[in-house]
Amino acid sequence: MKRFRSSAVAVAIGVLAAATASSALAAPPKKIAFVGHYAGQASTQINGNSVALSATGTGTGTMIGAGKITGQGTGDSSQQPCIPFGGTGTITGKSGTITYKLLSGASSCGDEGGHNFTVKGYIAVLKATGKLAKAKGTLKFTGLYSHDDGSFSVKFTGTLKR
């Protein structure tokens, strides 16, 4: 019996060592730098302090190419001069799609007249397809929005991992 026990222990140790070695040799996540520039039209519907947002634009992004961006969300105009907002959307190009969610802390800060706003925040990539398939991560965005004509421009930067 002692031989059997020591053999079983030796096999268990060997399996554990092999599993540990294979996980140690696993490739680190691949890092993918992403830059995207998009511009288009946004609309706001104000009801008291609640703001419904909708945006559609075109542009280009790393690896996915030329395409469009869409988004929808809500904001709280009771908080001035920077209105917090959140929402979801997609960035679609010829070679893939990114589905995203705005992270807490996104804001739009207006000038004194409420005409021009700077927007900034972060998005979490929930799903990516095509050339960015299975990529995840957080991207920073900065941009401008004109309440007068509804135009916006936004830039995304960051590193995704897969």
Protein backbone atom coordinates (compact mmCIF):
# COMPACT_ATOMS: atom_id res chain seq x y z
CA MET A 1 0.00 0.00 0.00
CA LYS A 2 2.77 2.46 0.74
CA ARG A 3 4.04 2.25 -2.82
CA PHE A 4 0.60 2.99 -4.18
CA ARG A 5 0.16 6.02 -1.93
CA SER A 6 3.57 7.42 -2.78
CA SER A 7 2.92 6.81 -6.48
CA ALA A 8 -0.44 8.60 -6.25
CA VAL A 9 1.21 11.49 -4.41
CA ALA A 10 3.97 11.66 -7.03
CA VAL A 11 1.41 11.72 -9.86
CA ALA A 12 -0.61 14.44 -8.11
CA ILE A 13 2.51 16.55 -7.61
CA GLY A 14 3.47 16.04 -11.27
CA VAL A 15 0.02 17.11 -12.49
CA LEU A 16 0.05 20.16 -10.23
CA ALA A 17 3.54 21.13 -11.43
CA ALA A 18 2.54 20.71 -15.08
CA ALA A 19 -0.61 22.81 -14.60
CA THR A 20 1.36 25.53 -12.83
CA ALA A 21 4.05 25.54 -15.53
CA SER A 22 1.51 25.77 -18.37
CA SER A 23 -0.33 28.67 -16.72
CA ALA A 24 3.00 30.44 -16.12
CA LEU A 25 3.82 30.06 -19.82
CA ALA A 26 0.47 31.46 -21.00
CA ALA A 27 0.91 34.50 -23.22
CA PRO A 28 0.23 37.86 -21.58
CA PRO A 29 -2.80 39.75 -22.89
CA LYS A 30 -2.21 41.46 -26.22
CA LYS A 31 -2.36 45.25 -25.94
CA ILE A 32 -4.04 47.20 -28.73
CA ALA A 33 -3.71 50.98 -28.89
CA PHE A 34 -6.99 52.57 -30.01
CA VAL A 35 -7.55 56.06 -31.36
CA GLY A 36 -10.83 57.18 -32.88
CA HIS A 37 -12.20 60.51 -34.14
CA TYR A 38 -15.92 61.01 -34.70
CA ALA A 39 -18.21 63.97 -35.44
CA GLY A 40 -21.92 64.35 -36.00
CA GLN A 41 -25.20 65.54 -34.55
CA ALA A 42 -26.59 65.20 -31.05
CA SER A 43 -29.99 66.05 -29.67
CA THR A 44 -31.17 66.76 -26.16
CA GLN A 45 -34.69 66.59 -24.75
CA ILE A 46 -35.01 68.45 -21.43
CA ASN A 47 -37.74 67.59 -18.95
CA GLY A 48 -37.18 69.44 -15.68
CA ASN A 49 -33.63 68.52 -14.65
CA SER A 50 -33.59 65.29 -16.66
CA VAL A 51 -31.91 65.40 -20.06
CA ALA A 52 -32.36 62.65 -22.65
CA LEU A 53 -29.39 62.47 -25.03
CA SER A 54 -29.00 60.93 -28.47
CA ALA A 55 -26.03 61.18 -30.84
CA THR A 56 -25.06 59.87 -34.27
CA GLY A 57 -21.88 60.58 -36.18
CA THR A 58 -19.21 59.31 -38.53
CA GLY A 59 -15.47 58.94 -38.29
CA THR A 60 -12.70 56.39 -38.07
CA GLY A 61 -11.09 54.19 -35.42
CA THR A 62 -7.95 52.09 -35.15
CA MET A 63 -8.33 48.63 -36.72
CA ILE A 64 -12.08 49.00 -37.38
CA GLY A 65 -11.70 51.75 -39.98
CA ALA A 66 -14.25 54.25 -41.20
CA GLY A 67 -17.74 53.97 -39.80
CA LYS A 68 -20.22 55.49 -37.42
CA ILE A 69 -20.89 56.10 -33.75
CA THR A 70 -24.25 56.06 -32.02
CA GLY A 71 -25.13 56.69 -28.41
CA GLN A 72 -28.00 57.40 -26.10
CA GLY A 73 -28.20 58.29 -22.46
CA THR A 74 -29.36 60.67 -19.77
CA GLY A 75 -27.96 63.63 -17.89
CA ASP A 76 -28.79 65.66 -14.79
CA SER A 77 -28.94 69.41 -15.57
CA SER A 78 -29.46 70.33 -11.91
CA GLN A 79 -25.70 69.98 -11.47
CA GLN A 80 -24.08 73.07 -12.97
CA PRO A 81 -21.79 74.04 -14.61
CA CYS A 82 -20.78 70.42 -15.41
CA ILE A 83 -23.67 68.08 -16.15
CA PRO A 84 -22.98 64.41 -15.36
CA PHE A 85 -24.27 61.97 -17.95
CA GLY A 86 -24.25 58.27 -18.74
CA GLY A 87 -25.42 55.91 -21.41
CA THR A 88 -24.52 53.25 -23.94
CA GLY A 89 -23.67 53.05 -27.61
CA THR A 90 -21.74 51.48 -30.46
CA ILE A 91 -18.80 52.38 -32.64
CA THR A 92 -19.03 50.52 -35.95
CA GLY A 93 -16.47 50.34 -38.72
CA LYS A 94 -15.83 48.27 -41.84
CA SER A 95 -13.77 45.82 -39.79
CA GLY A 96 -15.64 45.53 -36.51
CA THR A 97 -17.89 46.94 -33.83
CA ILE A 98 -17.35 48.15 -30.27
CA THR A 99 -20.28 48.13 -27.84
CA TYR A 100 -19.66 50.47 -24.91
CA LYS A 101 -21.02 51.91 -21.67
CA LEU A 102 -20.10 55.31 -20.25
CA LEU A 103 -18.49 55.05 -16.85
CA SER A 104 -19.52 57.14 -13.88
CA GLY A 105 -17.88 60.56 -13.96
CA ALA A 106 -18.60 61.48 -17.59
CA SER A 107 -19.51 65.16 -17.77
CA SER A 108 -20.38 68.02 -20.07
CA CYS A 109 -19.24 71.49 -18.95
CA GLY A 110 -20.87 74.49 -20.60
CA ASP A 111 -19.90 78.09 -21.10
CA GLU A 112 -21.80 80.82 -19.25
CA GLY A 113 -24.42 81.11 -21.99
CA GLY A 114 -24.98 77.33 -22.25
CA HIS A 115 -24.01 77.33 -25.92
CA ASN A 116 -20.74 75.37 -26.12
CA PHE A 117 -19.81 72.39 -23.98
CA THR A 118 -16.68 70.34 -23.43
CA VAL A 119 -17.37 66.65 -22.88
CA LYS A 120 -15.07 64.16 -21.20
CA GLY A 121 -15.09 60.81 -19.52
CA TYR A 122 -14.36 57.14 -20.00
CA ILE A 123 -16.14 54.28 -21.71
CA ALA A 124 -15.91 50.60 -20.87
CA VAL A 125 -15.74 48.33 -23.90
CA LEU A 126 -18.39 45.69 -23.24
CA LYS A 127 -17.95 43.75 -26.47
CA ALA A 128 -15.82 44.01 -29.60
CA THR A 129 -16.05 42.12 -32.90
CA GLY A 130 -14.07 41.86 -36.12
CA LYS A 131 -10.41 42.83 -35.92
CA LEU A 132 -10.90 43.81 -32.26
CA ALA A 133 -12.76 40.60 -31.37
CA LYS A 134 -12.76 39.87 -27.65
CA ALA A 135 -10.92 43.12 -26.82
CA LYS A 136 -11.85 44.69 -23.48
CA GLY A 137 -10.74 47.78 -21.64
CA THR A 138 -11.41 51.43 -20.99
CA LEU A 139 -11.07 54.31 -23.43
CA LYS A 140 -10.87 58.01 -22.57
CA PHE A 141 -12.97 60.45 -24.57
CA THR A 142 -12.78 64.23 -24.93
CA GLY A 143 -14.75 66.47 -27.21
CA LEU A 144 -16.97 69.45 -27.95
CA TYR A 145 -20.73 69.87 -28.27
CA SER A 146 -22.62 72.91 -29.56
CA HIS A 147 -26.10 73.25 -28.07
CA ASP A 148 -26.89 75.86 -30.74
CA ASP A 149 -26.59 73.60 -33.81
CA GLY A 150 -26.30 70.14 -32.19
CA SER A 151 -22.88 69.39 -33.65
CA PHE A 152 -20.32 67.36 -31.73
CA SER A 153 -16.80 66.06 -32.20
CA VAL A 154 -15.12 63.51 -29.97
CA LYS A 155 -11.77 61.72 -29.73
CA PHE A 156 -11.23 58.32 -28.09
CA THR A 157 -7.82 57.14 -26.87
CA GLY A 158 -6.63 54.19 -24.83
CA THR A 159 -5.34 50.65 -24.80
CA LEU A 160 -7.54 47.59 -25.13
CA LYS A 161 -6.49 44.06 -24.14
CA ARG A 162 -7.42 40.65 -25.42
